[in-house]
N, C-alpha and C. Protein backbone atom coordinates (compact mmCIF):
# COMPACT_ATOMS: atom_id res chain seq x y z
N MET A 1 89.09 100.49 128.14
CA MET A 1 88.66 100.17 126.80
C MET A 1 89.85 100.32 125.88
N ALA A 2 90.11 99.33 125.08
CA ALA A 2 91.20 99.37 124.13
C ALA A 2 90.68 98.92 122.77
N GLY A 3 91.25 99.48 121.73
CA GLY A 3 90.88 99.08 120.38
C GLY A 3 91.10 100.22 119.41
N ASP A 4 90.69 100.02 118.20
CA ASP A 4 90.85 100.99 117.13
C ASP A 4 89.66 101.95 117.14
N ALA A 5 89.91 103.20 117.45
CA ALA A 5 88.83 104.18 117.56
C ALA A 5 88.18 104.51 116.23
N ALA A 6 88.72 104.01 115.13
CA ALA A 6 88.06 104.17 113.84
C ALA A 6 86.95 103.13 113.67
N ASP A 7 86.92 102.14 114.54
CA ASP A 7 85.92 101.08 114.51
C ASP A 7 84.70 101.53 115.32
N PRO A 8 83.54 101.67 114.69
CA PRO A 8 82.35 102.13 115.41
C PRO A 8 82.05 101.31 116.67
N ALA A 9 82.28 100.00 116.62
CA ALA A 9 81.99 99.16 117.79
C ALA A 9 82.83 99.56 118.99
N VAL A 10 84.07 99.95 118.75
CA VAL A 10 84.94 100.37 119.86
C VAL A 10 84.42 101.67 120.47
N LEU A 11 84.03 102.61 119.64
CA LEU A 11 83.50 103.88 120.16
C LEU A 11 82.18 103.68 120.90
N ILE A 12 81.34 102.80 120.40
CA ILE A 12 80.08 102.51 121.08
C ILE A 12 80.34 101.88 122.44
N GLN A 13 81.26 100.92 122.51
CA GLN A 13 81.61 100.29 123.78
C GLN A 13 82.27 101.28 124.74
N ALA A 14 82.90 102.30 124.19
CA ALA A 14 83.53 103.33 125.03
C ALA A 14 82.52 104.41 125.44
N HIS A 15 81.26 104.21 125.10
CA HIS A 15 80.16 105.10 125.48
C HIS A 15 80.30 106.49 124.87
N ILE A 16 80.59 106.54 123.57
CA ILE A 16 80.73 107.81 122.86
C ILE A 16 79.46 108.65 122.95
N ALA A 17 78.32 108.03 123.11
CA ALA A 17 77.05 108.76 123.18
C ALA A 17 76.98 109.66 124.40
N GLY A 18 77.75 109.35 125.44
CA GLY A 18 77.69 110.12 126.67
C GLY A 18 78.76 111.18 126.83
N VAL A 19 79.54 111.43 125.78
CA VAL A 19 80.61 112.42 125.91
C VAL A 19 80.36 113.60 124.99
N SER A 20 80.94 114.74 125.33
CA SER A 20 80.80 115.92 124.50
C SER A 20 82.09 116.27 123.77
N VAL A 21 83.21 115.70 124.22
CA VAL A 21 84.51 115.98 123.60
C VAL A 21 85.27 114.67 123.45
N LEU A 22 85.91 114.49 122.29
CA LEU A 22 86.80 113.36 122.06
C LEU A 22 88.19 113.91 121.81
N ILE A 23 89.17 113.40 122.52
CA ILE A 23 90.56 113.82 122.33
C ILE A 23 91.30 112.68 121.65
N ILE A 24 91.92 112.99 120.51
CA ILE A 24 92.67 112.00 119.74
C ILE A 24 94.13 112.41 119.73
N THR A 25 94.99 111.50 120.15
CA THR A 25 96.43 111.73 120.05
C THR A 25 97.01 110.59 119.21
N ALA A 26 97.51 110.94 118.05
CA ALA A 26 98.05 109.94 117.14
C ALA A 26 99.01 110.61 116.16
N ALA A 27 99.93 109.85 115.65
CA ALA A 27 100.90 110.39 114.70
C ALA A 27 100.45 110.21 113.25
N ASP A 28 99.59 109.24 112.99
CA ASP A 28 99.19 108.90 111.63
C ASP A 28 97.95 109.70 111.24
N VAL A 29 98.11 110.66 110.36
CA VAL A 29 97.01 111.54 109.98
C VAL A 29 95.87 110.76 109.31
N PHE A 30 96.20 109.69 108.58
CA PHE A 30 95.16 108.86 107.97
C PHE A 30 94.27 108.23 109.04
N ARG A 31 94.85 107.70 110.09
CA ARG A 31 94.09 107.09 111.19
C ARG A 31 93.26 108.15 111.92
N ILE A 32 93.84 109.33 112.09
CA ILE A 32 93.10 110.42 112.74
C ILE A 32 91.86 110.74 111.92
N ARG A 33 92.01 110.87 110.62
CA ARG A 33 90.85 111.17 109.76
C ARG A 33 89.77 110.09 109.90
N GLN A 34 90.18 108.84 109.92
CA GLN A 34 89.21 107.75 110.07
C GLN A 34 88.48 107.86 111.40
N MET A 35 89.22 108.15 112.47
CA MET A 35 88.60 108.28 113.80
C MET A 35 87.61 109.43 113.82
N VAL A 36 87.99 110.56 113.24
CA VAL A 36 87.11 111.73 113.21
C VAL A 36 85.85 111.43 112.40
N GLU A 37 86.00 110.83 111.23
CA GLU A 37 84.84 110.50 110.39
C GLU A 37 83.90 109.54 111.10
N THR A 38 84.44 108.52 111.73
CA THR A 38 83.61 107.55 112.46
C THR A 38 82.88 108.24 113.61
N THR A 39 83.60 109.05 114.34
CA THR A 39 83.01 109.76 115.48
C THR A 39 81.88 110.67 115.02
N GLN A 40 82.09 111.40 113.93
CA GLN A 40 81.07 112.34 113.46
C GLN A 40 79.84 111.63 112.92
N ILE A 41 80.00 110.41 112.44
CA ILE A 41 78.83 109.63 112.02
C ILE A 41 78.02 109.21 113.25
N LEU A 42 78.71 108.75 114.28
CA LEU A 42 78.03 108.26 115.49
C LEU A 42 77.46 109.38 116.34
N LYS A 43 78.16 110.51 116.38
CA LYS A 43 77.71 111.62 117.22
C LYS A 43 78.14 112.94 116.57
N PRO A 44 77.34 113.44 115.63
CA PRO A 44 77.74 114.60 114.84
C PRO A 44 78.04 115.86 115.66
N GLN A 45 77.43 116.03 116.79
CA GLN A 45 77.61 117.25 117.57
C GLN A 45 78.86 117.24 118.46
N ILE A 46 79.61 116.16 118.46
CA ILE A 46 80.77 116.04 119.33
C ILE A 46 81.89 116.98 118.89
N GLU A 47 82.60 117.50 119.85
CA GLU A 47 83.77 118.32 119.60
C GLU A 47 84.99 117.40 119.62
N VAL A 48 85.85 117.51 118.63
CA VAL A 48 87.02 116.65 118.53
C VAL A 48 88.28 117.49 118.66
N LEU A 49 89.13 117.12 119.60
CA LEU A 49 90.43 117.77 119.77
C LEU A 49 91.49 116.77 119.34
N ILE A 50 92.48 117.26 118.59
CA ILE A 50 93.54 116.35 118.16
C ILE A 50 94.89 116.87 118.60
N SER A 51 95.79 115.93 118.77
CA SER A 51 97.19 116.24 119.03
C SER A 51 98.00 115.38 118.07
N THR A 52 98.77 116.03 117.22
CA THR A 52 99.58 115.31 116.24
C THR A 52 100.98 115.89 116.25
N HIS A 53 101.91 115.15 115.69
CA HIS A 53 103.32 115.56 115.70
C HIS A 53 103.64 116.61 114.64
N ASP A 54 102.75 116.83 113.72
CA ASP A 54 103.04 117.70 112.59
C ASP A 54 102.02 118.85 112.53
N ALA A 55 102.49 120.07 112.61
CA ALA A 55 101.61 121.23 112.59
C ALA A 55 100.85 121.33 111.26
N GLY A 56 101.49 120.93 110.17
CA GLY A 56 100.82 120.95 108.87
C GLY A 56 99.65 119.98 108.83
N ASP A 57 99.85 118.78 109.38
CA ASP A 57 98.76 117.81 109.46
C ASP A 57 97.62 118.36 110.29
N ALA A 58 97.94 118.97 111.40
CA ALA A 58 96.91 119.53 112.28
C ALA A 58 96.12 120.61 111.55
N ALA A 59 96.80 121.46 110.82
CA ALA A 59 96.12 122.53 110.08
C ALA A 59 95.21 121.95 109.00
N ARG A 60 95.67 120.93 108.29
CA ARG A 60 94.84 120.30 107.25
C ARG A 60 93.61 119.63 107.85
N LEU A 61 93.78 118.97 108.99
CA LEU A 61 92.64 118.33 109.64
C LEU A 61 91.63 119.37 110.12
N GLN A 62 92.12 120.45 110.66
CA GLN A 62 91.23 121.52 111.14
C GLN A 62 90.46 122.12 109.97
N LYS A 63 91.14 122.35 108.87
CA LYS A 63 90.50 122.95 107.70
C LYS A 63 89.44 122.02 107.10
N ALA A 64 89.67 120.70 107.21
CA ALA A 64 88.79 119.71 106.60
C ALA A 64 87.48 119.50 107.35
N GLY A 65 87.43 119.86 108.62
CA GLY A 65 86.20 119.55 109.36
C GLY A 65 86.19 120.17 110.74
N ARG A 66 85.35 119.59 111.59
CA ARG A 66 85.15 120.14 112.94
C ARG A 66 86.18 119.59 113.91
N VAL A 67 87.42 119.88 113.66
CA VAL A 67 88.51 119.45 114.52
C VAL A 67 89.17 120.69 115.06
N PHE A 68 89.39 120.72 116.37
CA PHE A 68 89.98 121.91 117.00
C PHE A 68 91.31 121.58 117.64
């Protein structure tokens, strides 16, 4: 499956309903936020793990929501 994970259709086609954890690796914090927001709308109970190049970005994302 390939596509923009901020697009609900891509996550639905990737069977987001059947997973308990989503791992996001991206450098663009704006795109990460979009992916997390889309994921939480589709499956609020999902755990999201992120990997980013900037520790400050990671801390801000963690503080903003359910990102570990």
